[in-house]
Protein backbone atom coordinates (compact mmCIF):
# COMPACT_ATOMS: atom_id res chain seq x y z
CA MET A 1 0.16 -9.44 -4.81
CA PHE A 2 0.51 -13.23 -4.48
CA LEU A 3 2.52 -14.77 -7.39
CA GLY A 4 2.06 -11.82 -9.63
CA LEU A 5 -1.72 -12.11 -9.68
CA THR A 6 -3.28 -8.68 -10.04
CA VAL A 7 -6.96 -7.90 -9.54
CA PRO A 8 -7.73 -7.97 -13.23
CA LYS A 9 -6.10 -11.36 -13.67
CA LEU A 10 -8.12 -12.68 -10.71
CA LEU A 11 -11.39 -11.28 -12.11
CA LEU A 12 -10.54 -12.99 -15.47
CA ILE A 13 -9.88 -16.34 -13.79
CA LEU A 14 -13.24 -15.99 -11.90
CA ALA A 15 -15.09 -15.15 -15.09
CA ILE A 16 -13.66 -18.17 -16.89
CA GLY A 17 -14.53 -20.38 -13.88
CA LEU A 18 -18.09 -19.04 -13.89
CA LEU A 19 -18.40 -19.81 -17.59
CA VAL A 20 -16.97 -23.34 -17.21
CA PHE A 21 -18.76 -24.40 -14.05
CA GLY A 22 -21.78 -22.20 -13.76
CA PRO A 23 -22.80 -20.14 -10.63
CA GLY A 24 -24.19 -23.08 -8.66
CA ARG A 25 -21.36 -25.48 -9.21
CA LEU A 26 -18.70 -22.78 -8.70
CA ALA A 27 -19.98 -22.28 -5.09
CA GLY A 28 -19.57 -26.00 -4.49
CA VAL A 29 -16.13 -26.05 -5.99
CA GLY A 30 -15.04 -23.20 -3.75
CA LYS A 31 -16.54 -24.86 -0.67
CA SER A 32 -14.75 -28.16 -1.44
CA LEU A 33 -11.45 -26.34 -2.02
CA GLY A 34 -11.74 -24.48 1.26
CA GLU A 35 -12.54 -27.65 3.21
CA SER A 36 -9.51 -29.44 1.62
CA LEU A 37 -7.20 -26.58 2.49
CA ARG A 38 -8.54 -26.54 6.07
CA ALA A 39 -7.99 -30.29 6.45
CA PHE A 40 -4.49 -29.98 4.93
CA ARG A 41 -3.46 -27.27 7.28
CA SER A 42 -4.83 -28.99 10.43
CA ALA A 43 -3.04 -32.25 9.45
CA ALA A 44 0.17 -30.37 8.75
CA THR A 45 0.23 -28.76 12.18
CA GLU A 46 -0.75 -31.83 14.13
CA GLU A 47 2.04 -33.70 16.01
CA PRO A 48 2.86 -37.07 14.38
CA GLU A 49 1.63 -40.10 16.20
CA LYS A 50 4.11 -42.27 18.11
CA GLY A 51 4.77 -45.26 15.93
CA LYS A 52 7.50 -47.14 14.27
CA ASP A 53 7.98 -44.36 11.67
CA ALA A 54 8.36 -41.66 14.28
CA PRO A 55 11.95 -40.91 15.57
CA GLU A 56 12.60 -42.04 19.11
CA LYS A 57 13.67 -39.59 21.74
CA LYS A 58 16.74 -40.39 23.79
CA GLY A 59 16.11 -41.16 27.40
CA GLU A 60 12.74 -42.80 26.86
């Protein structure tokens, strides 16, 4: 599994999160985390805008 996280460890983390945040807020936290990851991935795969920080190509 990912980073040594087994199913029992994931269930324990989920149970602790449920106790800390409650069922309603835990869903909102998961939604926010998913949206943040989606935005980060899309920003990471976009081409950088042409500007003064972008390296210039030779021949242009």
